[in-house]
Amino acid sequence: MIIEAATFLLASLAHLTVEWEPGAAGPEALIGVVMAVGAFFAFRGRWAVALGTSAFAAFGTIVGLTIISSGLGPKSVPDLTYHALILTTLIVSIVLMVRSRQALSRS
């Protein structure tokens, strides 16, 4: 989760500098901060919060992909690639969290 948070914060910075799409910088920074908070709670054993923050990030990423696909946002290859990769990573993280919680509850 820390790495996911860091990539959102770096993507936010990239929107302000390299890609110059300042409208996307705020949402990606927000998702990065929320993911960092989720990581903090994950380390404290609060898996429901971690799962919720990951779901929030996945939802935000889907919104971002929808905006890009509709033509309202930039359609650069790096931006599309990042969104596809981070969404895949978030989905895998969510599935692993749910499965690990289910395994713990069975034992």
Protein backbone atom coordinates (compact mmCIF):
# COMPACT_ATOMS: atom_id res chain seq x y z
CA MET A 1 0.00 0.00 0.00
CA ILE A 2 2.88 2.35 0.68
CA ILE A 3 4.20 1.81 -2.84
CA GLU A 4 0.74 2.34 -4.29
CA ALA A 5 0.39 5.56 -2.30
CA ALA A 6 3.80 6.74 -3.47
CA THR A 7 2.96 6.11 -7.11
CA PHE A 8 -0.25 8.14 -6.83
CA LEU A 9 1.70 11.01 -5.27
CA LEU A 10 4.35 10.78 -8.00
CA ALA A 11 1.63 10.68 -10.68
CA SER A 12 0.14 13.81 -9.13
CA LEU A 13 3.50 15.52 -9.32
CA ALA A 14 3.91 14.38 -12.94
CA HIS A 15 0.58 15.98 -13.83
CA LEU A 16 1.87 19.28 -12.46
CA THR A 17 5.21 19.12 -14.25
CA VAL A 18 5.84 16.65 -17.07
CA GLU A 19 2.35 16.11 -18.44
CA TRP A 20 0.87 19.42 -17.34
CA GLU A 21 -2.62 18.29 -16.56
CA PRO A 22 -3.19 20.11 -13.26
CA GLY A 23 -6.84 19.02 -13.04
CA ALA A 24 -5.73 15.43 -12.45
CA ALA A 25 -3.07 16.30 -9.89
CA GLY A 26 -5.51 16.95 -7.05
CA PRO A 27 -7.48 13.71 -7.27
CA GLU A 28 -4.33 11.62 -7.58
CA ALA A 29 -2.76 13.40 -4.61
CA LEU A 30 -5.92 12.77 -2.58
CA ILE A 31 -5.88 9.08 -3.47
CA GLY A 32 -2.18 8.92 -2.54
CA VAL A 33 -2.83 10.45 0.88
CA VAL A 34 -5.82 8.17 1.50
CA MET A 35 -3.70 5.14 0.55
CA ALA A 36 -0.94 6.27 2.93
CA VAL A 37 -3.49 6.52 5.74
CA GLY A 38 -4.76 3.05 4.79
CA ALA A 39 -1.21 1.68 4.97
CA PHE A 40 -0.82 3.18 8.44
CA PHE A 41 -3.97 1.42 9.60
CA ALA A 42 -2.95 -1.82 7.87
CA PHE A 43 0.23 -1.86 9.96
CA ARG A 44 -1.98 -1.48 13.01
CA GLY A 45 -4.09 -4.48 12.01
CA ARG A 46 -7.12 -2.46 10.92
CA TRP A 47 -7.76 -4.39 7.72
CA ALA A 48 -11.24 -2.98 7.15
CA VAL A 49 -9.79 0.52 6.85
CA ALA A 50 -7.03 -0.72 4.56
CA LEU A 51 -9.57 -2.51 2.40
CA GLY A 52 -11.78 0.57 2.27
CA THR A 53 -8.94 2.85 1.24
CA SER A 54 -7.88 0.41 -1.47
CA ALA A 55 -11.46 0.25 -2.75
CA PHE A 56 -11.58 4.07 -2.74
CA ALA A 57 -8.36 4.16 -4.78
CA ALA A 58 -9.68 1.59 -7.25
CA PHE A 59 -12.92 3.56 -7.66
CA GLY A 60 -10.96 6.79 -8.18
CA THR A 61 -8.77 5.08 -10.77
CA ILE A 62 -11.84 3.81 -12.62
CA VAL A 63 -13.22 7.36 -12.61
CA GLY A 64 -9.89 8.58 -14.02
CA LEU A 65 -9.95 5.95 -16.79
CA THR A 66 -13.54 6.90 -17.59
CA ILE A 67 -12.58 10.56 -17.90
CA ILE A 68 -9.62 9.68 -20.13
CA SER A 69 -11.78 7.37 -22.30
CA SER A 70 -14.49 9.99 -22.70
CA GLY A 71 -11.98 12.44 -24.13
CA LEU A 72 -12.15 14.90 -21.23
CA GLY A 73 -8.63 14.10 -20.06
CA PRO A 74 -5.31 13.62 -21.82
CA LYS A 75 -4.82 10.35 -23.66
CA SER A 76 -1.10 9.91 -23.29
CA VAL A 77 0.39 6.42 -23.35
CA PRO A 78 2.16 6.88 -19.99
CA ASP A 79 -1.06 8.05 -18.31
CA LEU A 80 -3.15 5.19 -19.71
CA THR A 81 -0.42 2.69 -18.84
CA TYR A 82 -0.16 3.96 -15.28
CA HIS A 83 -3.91 3.83 -14.73
CA ALA A 84 -4.16 0.29 -16.13
CA LEU A 85 -1.24 -0.96 -14.04
CA ILE A 86 -2.29 0.68 -10.78
CA LEU A 87 -5.88 -0.53 -11.20
CA THR A 88 -4.61 -4.08 -11.72
CA THR A 89 -2.38 -3.75 -8.66
CA LEU A 90 -5.23 -2.39 -6.55
CA ILE A 91 -7.58 -5.19 -7.59
CA VAL A 92 -4.94 -7.81 -6.76
CA SER A 93 -4.33 -6.11 -3.38
CA ILE A 94 -8.05 -6.07 -2.60
CA VAL A 95 -8.46 -9.74 -3.53
CA LEU A 96 -5.46 -10.71 -1.41
CA MET A 97 -6.75 -8.74 1.58
CA VAL A 98 -10.18 -10.34 1.34
CA ARG A 99 -8.75 -13.83 0.92
CA SER A 100 -6.31 -13.44 3.81
CA ARG A 101 -9.10 -12.22 6.10
CA GLN A 102 -11.28 -15.14 5.08
CA ALA A 103 -8.45 -17.59 5.76
CA LEU A 104 -7.83 -16.05 9.19
CA SER A 105 -11.50 -16.22 10.10
CA ARG A 106 -11.64 -19.94 9.21
CA SER A 107 -8.72 -20.89 11.41
